[in-house]
Amino acid sequence: MDGLVISGTQVSYIGQDCREVPEHLGRDCGHFAKRLDLSFNLLRYVTSTRCRPGLGDPVPLVTAGR
């Protein structure tokens, strides 16, 4: 899991060119993470709540840099 940084309850997965939230982040970090930083990836919308059920409607993302 190159690029994964965990600091307390913050999980960062920055600059990995992900087009969707990687399943391993939810599986491995979903039980404790309160903040997820996916900056500088290729995401456009969060459309799945597989990582944290009950999150609600899709969230449009503002991408920086790319």
N, C-alpha and C. Protein backbone atom coordinates (compact mmCIF):
# COMPACT_ATOMS: atom_id res chain seq x y z
N MET A 1 0.83 -1.18 0.00
CA MET A 1 0.00 0.00 0.00
C MET A 1 0.87 1.24 0.00
N ASP A 2 1.66 1.37 -1.01
CA ASP A 2 2.52 2.53 -1.18
C ASP A 2 1.69 3.81 -1.18
N GLY A 3 2.14 4.83 -0.49
CA GLY A 3 1.42 6.10 -0.47
C GLY A 3 0.44 6.25 0.67
N LEU A 4 0.20 5.21 1.44
CA LEU A 4 -0.73 5.26 2.56
C LEU A 4 -0.02 5.81 3.78
N VAL A 5 -0.62 6.87 4.38
CA VAL A 5 -0.08 7.47 5.59
C VAL A 5 -1.21 7.54 6.62
N ILE A 6 -0.94 7.02 7.82
CA ILE A 6 -1.93 7.04 8.89
C ILE A 6 -1.36 7.86 10.03
N SER A 7 -2.15 8.83 10.49
CA SER A 7 -1.76 9.67 11.61
C SER A 7 -2.97 9.80 12.53
N GLY A 8 -2.99 9.00 13.58
CA GLY A 8 -4.15 9.00 14.48
C GLY A 8 -5.38 8.49 13.76
N THR A 9 -6.40 9.35 13.64
CA THR A 9 -7.63 8.95 12.94
C THR A 9 -7.70 9.51 11.53
N GLN A 10 -6.59 10.09 11.03
CA GLN A 10 -6.54 10.59 9.66
C GLN A 10 -5.81 9.59 8.78
N VAL A 11 -6.43 9.28 7.65
CA VAL A 11 -5.83 8.40 6.66
C VAL A 11 -5.61 9.22 5.40
N SER A 12 -4.39 9.22 4.88
CA SER A 12 -4.06 9.95 3.66
C SER A 12 -3.60 8.96 2.59
N TYR A 13 -4.15 9.13 1.41
CA TYR A 13 -3.77 8.31 0.26
C TYR A 13 -3.67 9.28 -0.91
N ILE A 14 -2.58 10.03 -0.94
CA ILE A 14 -2.42 11.19 -1.80
C ILE A 14 -1.63 10.85 -3.05
N GLY A 15 -2.11 11.37 -4.18
CA GLY A 15 -1.36 11.27 -5.44
C GLY A 15 -1.19 9.88 -5.99
N GLN A 16 -2.18 9.04 -5.84
CA GLN A 16 -2.07 7.66 -6.31
C GLN A 16 -2.83 7.40 -7.60
N ASP A 17 -3.39 8.47 -8.21
CA ASP A 17 -4.15 8.38 -9.46
C ASP A 17 -5.35 7.44 -9.38
N CYS A 18 -5.96 7.36 -8.21
CA CYS A 18 -7.15 6.51 -8.01
C CYS A 18 -8.36 7.13 -8.69
N ARG A 19 -9.15 6.32 -9.35
CA ARG A 19 -10.40 6.78 -9.96
C ARG A 19 -11.59 6.49 -9.04
N GLU A 20 -11.38 5.65 -8.05
CA GLU A 20 -12.40 5.35 -7.04
C GLU A 20 -11.69 5.09 -5.72
N VAL A 21 -12.46 5.14 -4.64
CA VAL A 21 -11.87 4.90 -3.32
C VAL A 21 -11.45 3.43 -3.25
N PRO A 22 -10.19 3.15 -3.01
CA PRO A 22 -9.73 1.76 -2.95
C PRO A 22 -10.42 0.99 -1.82
N GLU A 23 -10.88 -0.21 -2.13
CA GLU A 23 -11.57 -1.03 -1.14
C GLU A 23 -10.71 -1.31 0.08
N HIS A 24 -9.40 -1.45 -0.11
CA HIS A 24 -8.54 -1.78 1.02
C HIS A 24 -8.53 -0.67 2.07
N LEU A 25 -8.79 0.59 1.67
CA LEU A 25 -8.84 1.67 2.65
C LEU A 25 -10.02 1.48 3.60
N GLY A 26 -11.16 1.15 3.06
CA GLY A 26 -12.33 0.90 3.90
C GLY A 26 -12.16 -0.33 4.76
N ARG A 27 -11.63 -1.37 4.17
CA ARG A 27 -11.45 -2.63 4.89
C ARG A 27 -10.44 -2.49 6.02
N ASP A 28 -9.32 -1.83 5.73
CA ASP A 28 -8.23 -1.76 6.70
C ASP A 28 -8.32 -0.57 7.66
N CYS A 29 -8.96 0.51 7.23
CA CYS A 29 -8.95 1.74 8.03
C CYS A 29 -10.33 2.27 8.39
N GLY A 30 -11.37 1.72 7.79
CA GLY A 30 -12.72 2.24 7.98
C GLY A 30 -13.22 2.20 9.41
N HIS A 31 -12.72 1.29 10.21
CA HIS A 31 -13.22 1.15 11.59
C HIS A 31 -12.69 2.23 12.52
N PHE A 32 -11.62 2.94 12.13
CA PHE A 32 -11.08 3.98 13.02
C PHE A 32 -10.95 5.35 12.36
N ALA A 33 -10.97 5.42 11.04
CA ALA A 33 -10.72 6.68 10.35
C ALA A 33 -11.87 7.66 10.53
N LYS A 34 -11.51 8.89 10.85
CA LYS A 34 -12.49 9.97 10.94
C LYS A 34 -12.30 10.95 9.79
N ARG A 35 -11.12 10.92 9.18
CA ARG A 35 -10.83 11.80 8.06
C ARG A 35 -10.04 11.03 7.02
N LEU A 36 -10.45 11.19 5.76
CA LEU A 36 -9.78 10.52 4.65
C LEU A 36 -9.36 11.58 3.63
N ASP A 37 -8.07 11.68 3.40
CA ASP A 37 -7.51 12.64 2.46
C ASP A 37 -7.12 11.92 1.17
N LEU A 38 -7.85 12.21 0.11
CA LEU A 38 -7.58 11.61 -1.20
C LEU A 38 -7.16 12.68 -2.21
N SER A 39 -6.45 13.69 -1.74
CA SER A 39 -6.00 14.78 -2.60
C SER A 39 -5.12 14.26 -3.74
N PHE A 40 -5.19 14.97 -4.86
CA PHE A 40 -4.33 14.69 -6.02
C PHE A 40 -4.51 13.27 -6.55
N ASN A 41 -5.77 12.81 -6.56
CA ASN A 41 -6.14 11.56 -7.22
C ASN A 41 -7.04 11.93 -8.40
N LEU A 42 -7.66 10.95 -9.02
CA LEU A 42 -8.48 11.20 -10.20
C LEU A 42 -9.97 11.01 -9.93
N LEU A 43 -10.39 11.20 -8.69
CA LEU A 43 -11.78 11.03 -8.30
C LEU A 43 -12.63 12.19 -8.82
N ARG A 44 -13.87 11.88 -9.18
CA ARG A 44 -14.82 12.93 -9.55
C ARG A 44 -16.01 12.94 -8.59
N TYR A 45 -16.53 11.77 -8.24
CA TYR A 45 -17.65 11.65 -7.32
C TYR A 45 -17.43 10.46 -6.41
N VAL A 46 -17.91 10.58 -5.19
CA VAL A 46 -17.98 9.42 -4.30
C VAL A 46 -19.40 8.89 -4.47
N THR A 47 -19.53 7.70 -5.07
CA THR A 47 -20.87 7.18 -5.36
C THR A 47 -21.17 5.92 -4.58
N SER A 48 -20.23 5.44 -3.82
CA SER A 48 -20.42 4.21 -3.07
C SER A 48 -20.15 4.44 -1.60
N THR A 49 -20.90 3.75 -0.77
CA THR A 49 -20.67 3.85 0.67
C THR A 49 -20.16 2.52 1.20
N ARG A 50 -19.45 1.77 0.35
CA ARG A 50 -18.91 0.48 0.78
C ARG A 50 -17.98 0.63 1.96
N CYS A 51 -17.24 1.74 2.01
CA CYS A 51 -16.28 1.93 3.09
C CYS A 51 -16.96 2.26 4.40
N ARG A 52 -17.98 3.09 4.37
CA ARG A 52 -18.68 3.54 5.57
C ARG A 52 -20.18 3.58 5.25
N PRO A 53 -20.93 2.50 5.47
CA PRO A 53 -22.35 2.47 5.15
C PRO A 53 -23.10 3.61 5.85
N GLY A 54 -24.15 4.12 5.18
CA GLY A 54 -24.99 5.14 5.78
C GLY A 54 -24.47 6.56 5.60
N LEU A 55 -23.54 6.78 4.68
CA LEU A 55 -23.01 8.12 4.49
C LEU A 55 -23.96 9.03 3.72
N GLY A 56 -24.90 8.47 2.96
CA GLY A 56 -25.87 9.31 2.26
C GLY A 56 -25.57 9.48 0.79
N ASP A 57 -25.99 10.63 0.25
CA ASP A 57 -25.90 10.91 -1.17
C ASP A 57 -24.47 11.07 -1.65
N PRO A 58 -24.24 10.87 -2.96
CA PRO A 58 -22.90 11.09 -3.51
C PRO A 58 -22.41 12.51 -3.25
N VAL A 59 -21.13 12.65 -3.08
CA VAL A 59 -20.52 13.95 -2.78
C VAL A 59 -19.64 14.36 -3.95
N PRO A 60 -19.93 15.51 -4.60
CA PRO A 60 -19.03 15.97 -5.66
C PRO A 60 -17.71 16.41 -5.05
N LEU A 61 -16.63 16.08 -5.71
CA LEU A 61 -15.31 16.40 -5.19
C LEU A 61 -14.67 17.52 -6.00
N VAL A 62 -13.96 18.37 -5.34
CA VAL A 62 -13.17 19.39 -6.00
C VAL A 62 -11.75 18.87 -6.05
N THR A 63 -11.21 18.75 -7.24
CA THR A 63 -9.85 18.23 -7.37
C THR A 63 -8.88 19.38 -7.50
N ALA A 64 -7.76 19.23 -6.88
CA ALA A 64 -6.73 20.28 -6.92
C ALA A 64 -5.51 19.75 -7.66
N GLY A 65 -4.96 20.55 -8.49
CA GLY A 65 -3.68 20.21 -9.10
C GLY A 65 -3.75 19.51 -10.42
N ARG A 66 -4.61 18.55 -10.59
CA ARG A 66 -4.60 17.77 -11.84
C ARG A 66 -5.76 18.16 -12.66
